[in-house]
Protein backbone atom coordinates (compact mmCIF):
# COMPACT_ATOMS: atom_id res chain seq x y z
CA MET A 1 -7.45 23.78 -11.83
CA LEU A 2 -3.92 22.74 -12.75
CA LYS A 3 -3.17 22.09 -9.07
CA ILE A 4 -6.23 19.83 -8.78
CA LEU A 5 -5.29 17.99 -11.97
CA THR A 6 -1.72 17.58 -10.70
CA ALA A 7 -3.01 16.22 -7.39
CA PHE A 8 -5.32 13.80 -9.19
CA ILE A 9 -2.53 12.54 -11.43
CA ALA A 10 -0.28 12.15 -8.42
CA LEU A 11 -2.94 10.05 -6.73
CA LEU A 12 -2.82 7.65 -9.66
CA LEU A 13 0.94 7.21 -9.42
CA LEU A 14 1.84 3.97 -7.78
CA THR A 15 4.48 1.44 -7.08
CA TRP A 16 4.45 -2.15 -6.07
CA GLN A 17 6.83 -4.95 -5.63
CA CYS A 18 6.79 -7.73 -8.21
CA SER A 19 8.65 -10.60 -6.69
CA ALA A 20 8.94 -14.31 -7.23
CA GLN A 21 11.08 -14.75 -4.11
CA ALA A 22 10.29 -17.14 -1.32
CA THR A 23 8.18 -15.85 1.53
CA PRO A 24 10.33 -13.60 3.73
CA PRO A 25 10.58 -14.16 7.46
CA PRO A 26 8.31 -12.11 9.71
CA PRO A 27 9.50 -8.59 10.43
CA THR A 28 12.04 -8.33 13.22
CA GLY A 29 10.57 -7.15 16.46
CA GLY A 30 7.32 -9.02 15.80
CA SER A 31 3.86 -7.66 16.19
CA THR A 32 2.14 -7.02 19.47
CA PRO A 33 -1.05 -9.06 19.41
CA ALA A 34 -2.31 -7.66 22.72
CA ALA A 35 -2.02 -4.02 21.61
CA GLN A 36 -4.99 -2.46 19.84
CA PRO A 37 -4.13 -0.64 16.62
CA SER A 38 -4.53 3.14 16.59
CA SER A 39 -7.60 4.62 14.92
CA ALA A 40 -5.60 5.32 11.73
CA ALA A 41 -4.23 1.77 11.79
CA GLN A 42 -7.74 0.42 12.28
CA GLU A 43 -8.95 2.49 9.31
CA TYR A 44 -6.18 1.15 7.04
CA LEU A 45 -6.92 -2.38 8.20
CA GLU A 46 -10.70 -2.14 7.79
CA ALA A 47 -10.43 -0.67 4.28
CA HIS A 48 -8.04 -3.43 3.22
CA ASN A 49 -10.13 -6.17 4.76
CA ARG A 50 -13.33 -4.86 3.15
CA ALA A 51 -11.70 -5.12 -0.31
CA ARG A 52 -10.33 -8.57 0.53
CA ALA A 53 -13.73 -9.82 1.72
CA GLU A 54 -15.28 -8.72 -1.60
CA VAL A 55 -13.13 -11.33 -3.39
CA GLY A 56 -13.26 -14.00 -0.70
CA VAL A 57 -9.80 -13.44 0.78
CA GLY A 58 -9.15 -13.64 4.53
CA PRO A 59 -8.35 -10.56 6.60
CA LEU A 60 -4.95 -9.03 7.21
CA GLN A 61 -3.59 -8.49 10.72
CA TRP A 62 -1.96 -5.23 11.81
CA SER A 63 1.82 -5.45 12.34
CA GLN A 64 3.47 -2.82 14.54
CA ALA A 65 6.84 -3.85 13.07
CA LEU A 66 5.65 -3.21 9.49
CA ALA A 67 4.05 0.07 10.58
CA LYS A 68 7.35 1.14 12.14
CA SER A 69 9.23 0.26 8.94
CA ALA A 70 6.68 2.18 6.85
CA SER A 71 7.03 5.15 9.21
CA LEU A 72 10.81 5.14 8.88
CA ILE A 73 10.51 5.06 5.08
CA VAL A 74 7.96 7.90 4.80
CA ARG A 75 9.96 10.08 7.19
CA LEU A 76 13.15 9.46 5.20
CA GLN A 77 11.32 10.33 1.97
CA ARG A 78 9.91 13.48 3.58
CA ASP A 79 13.16 14.61 5.20
CA LYS A 80 15.78 13.57 2.64
CA GLN A 81 14.02 12.90 -0.68
CA ASN A 82 11.69 15.88 -1.08
CA CYS A 83 8.69 13.63 -0.39
CA SER A 84 9.20 11.54 -3.52
CA PHE A 85 8.22 7.90 -3.82
CA ALA A 86 10.48 5.39 -2.11
CA ASP A 87 12.25 2.70 -4.10
CA LEU A 88 10.68 -0.43 -2.63
CA SER A 89 11.93 -2.78 -5.35
CA ASN A 90 14.54 -4.38 -3.08
CA SER A 91 12.28 -4.59 -0.04
CA ARG A 92 11.47 -7.99 1.40
CA TYR A 93 7.88 -6.78 1.80
CA GLY A 94 5.21 -5.83 -0.68
CA GLY A 95 4.42 -2.14 -0.80
CA ASN A 96 1.88 0.40 -1.98
CA GLN A 97 2.47 4.14 -2.07
CA LEU A 98 0.29 7.18 -2.60
CA TRP A 99 1.43 10.77 -3.02
CA SER A 100 -1.19 13.45 -2.69
CA GLY A 101 -0.56 17.11 -3.43
CA GLY A 102 -2.43 19.88 -1.69
CA MET A 103 -4.18 17.72 0.89
CA ALA A 104 -3.81 15.04 3.50
CA VAL A 105 -5.45 11.73 2.65
CA ALA A 106 -7.45 9.73 5.17
CA PRO A 107 -6.24 6.13 5.55
CA ARG A 108 -9.51 4.77 4.12
CA ALA A 109 -9.23 7.08 1.09
CA ALA A 110 -5.66 5.94 0.35
CA VAL A 111 -6.73 2.29 0.31
CA GLU A 112 -9.86 3.08 -1.72
CA ASN A 113 -7.62 4.81 -4.28
CA TRP A 114 -5.62 1.59 -4.72
CA VAL A 115 -8.80 -0.50 -4.85
CA GLU A 116 -10.18 1.70 -7.68
CA GLU A 117 -7.79 -0.13 -10.00
CA LYS A 118 -9.99 -3.23 -9.59
CA LYS A 119 -12.11 -2.06 -12.53
CA PHE A 120 -9.08 -2.47 -14.83
CA TYR A 121 -8.08 -5.91 -13.54
CA ASN A 122 -9.15 -9.05 -15.44
CA TYR A 123 -9.04 -12.06 -13.12
CA GLU A 124 -9.45 -14.69 -15.85
CA SER A 125 -6.36 -13.54 -17.75
CA ASN A 126 -4.64 -12.18 -14.61
CA SER A 127 -3.91 -8.98 -16.50
CA CYS A 128 -4.60 -5.27 -16.43
CA ALA A 129 -6.20 -3.09 -19.11
CA ALA A 130 -3.79 -1.25 -21.41
CA ASP A 131 -2.40 2.00 -20.00
CA HIS A 132 -3.38 1.06 -16.43
CA HIS A 133 -1.58 -0.43 -13.46
CA CYS A 134 -3.32 -2.96 -11.23
CA GLY A 135 -0.44 -3.95 -8.97
CA VAL A 136 -1.59 -1.78 -6.09
CA TYR A 137 -5.03 -3.41 -6.21
CA THR A 138 -3.69 -6.94 -6.48
CA GLN A 139 -1.33 -6.28 -3.54
CA VAL A 140 -4.29 -5.16 -1.39
CA VAL A 141 -6.15 -8.42 -2.10
CA TRP A 142 -3.15 -10.79 -2.35
CA ARG A 143 -4.36 -13.99 -0.64
CA LYS A 144 -0.97 -14.95 0.82
CA SER A 145 -0.32 -11.59 2.46
CA ALA A 146 -1.12 -11.87 6.16
CA GLU A 147 0.25 -8.71 7.78
CA LEU A 148 -0.11 -5.00 7.10
CA GLY A 149 1.61 -1.89 8.41
CA CYS A 150 1.11 1.65 7.10
CA ALA A 151 2.29 5.18 7.77
CA GLN A 152 1.84 8.66 6.33
CA ALA A 153 4.04 11.74 6.38
CA ALA A 154 2.88 15.30 5.87
CA CYS A 155 5.27 17.01 3.49
CA PRO A 156 5.93 20.74 3.21
CA LYS A 157 6.25 20.36 -0.59
CA GLU A 158 2.92 21.61 -1.94
CA LYS A 159 1.35 20.68 1.41
CA SER A 160 1.43 17.09 0.21
CA SER A 161 1.40 13.74 1.93
CA LEU A 162 3.04 10.41 1.26
CA THR A 163 1.36 7.20 2.38
CA ILE A 164 3.10 3.82 2.39
CA CYS A 165 1.66 0.43 3.32
CA LEU A 166 3.87 -2.65 3.64
CA TYR A 167 2.64 -6.25 3.29
CA ASN A 168 4.10 -9.50 4.56
CA PRO A 169 4.48 -11.77 2.71
CA PRO A 170 4.64 -9.66 -0.44
CA GLY A 171 2.19 -10.09 -3.27
CA ASN A 172 2.35 -9.70 -7.03
CA VAL A 173 4.34 -12.85 -7.59
CA VAL A 174 4.80 -13.22 -11.33
CA GLY A 175 2.57 -15.94 -12.78
CA GLU A 176 0.28 -16.19 -9.74
CA LYS A 177 -3.25 -14.86 -9.39
CA PRO A 178 -3.94 -12.69 -6.35
CA TYR A 179 -6.89 -14.78 -5.11
């Protein structure tokens, strides 16, 4: 029971980038518009775009360059940081992370976990209920974000996984509403 509770609590842990910087340039290497995203990439993209459509925000496009960056980050965290969360605070992209103990998480489930925070977000006041974090939700639906790239690493620690999605341009700009 303690392991399940620990896994649940870990699922609720999150990070996001709060930035008032200008829009960063596109990722180096560019995306490959002709290439079809993998099935996992498609699942990440569809889950994001479903949540965005619910609030009237246009769809994201898959970016191979962002996916490659996310893959490098999750592998570094797995191999050198004991599968802990990455510090994305200085990244030029927005980011969401999910750590799950004891199980792998399907791409759709990772995004749905972030979207669950919607129930704590108040659009009128652009705020989140006390003792909750809504930044992962607002990053998913951030109207100015146009590109998405995600990756997941399986970690030997407690048979866990770490999922990271990167967004360009980043969301959660202080003082702005997500949509």
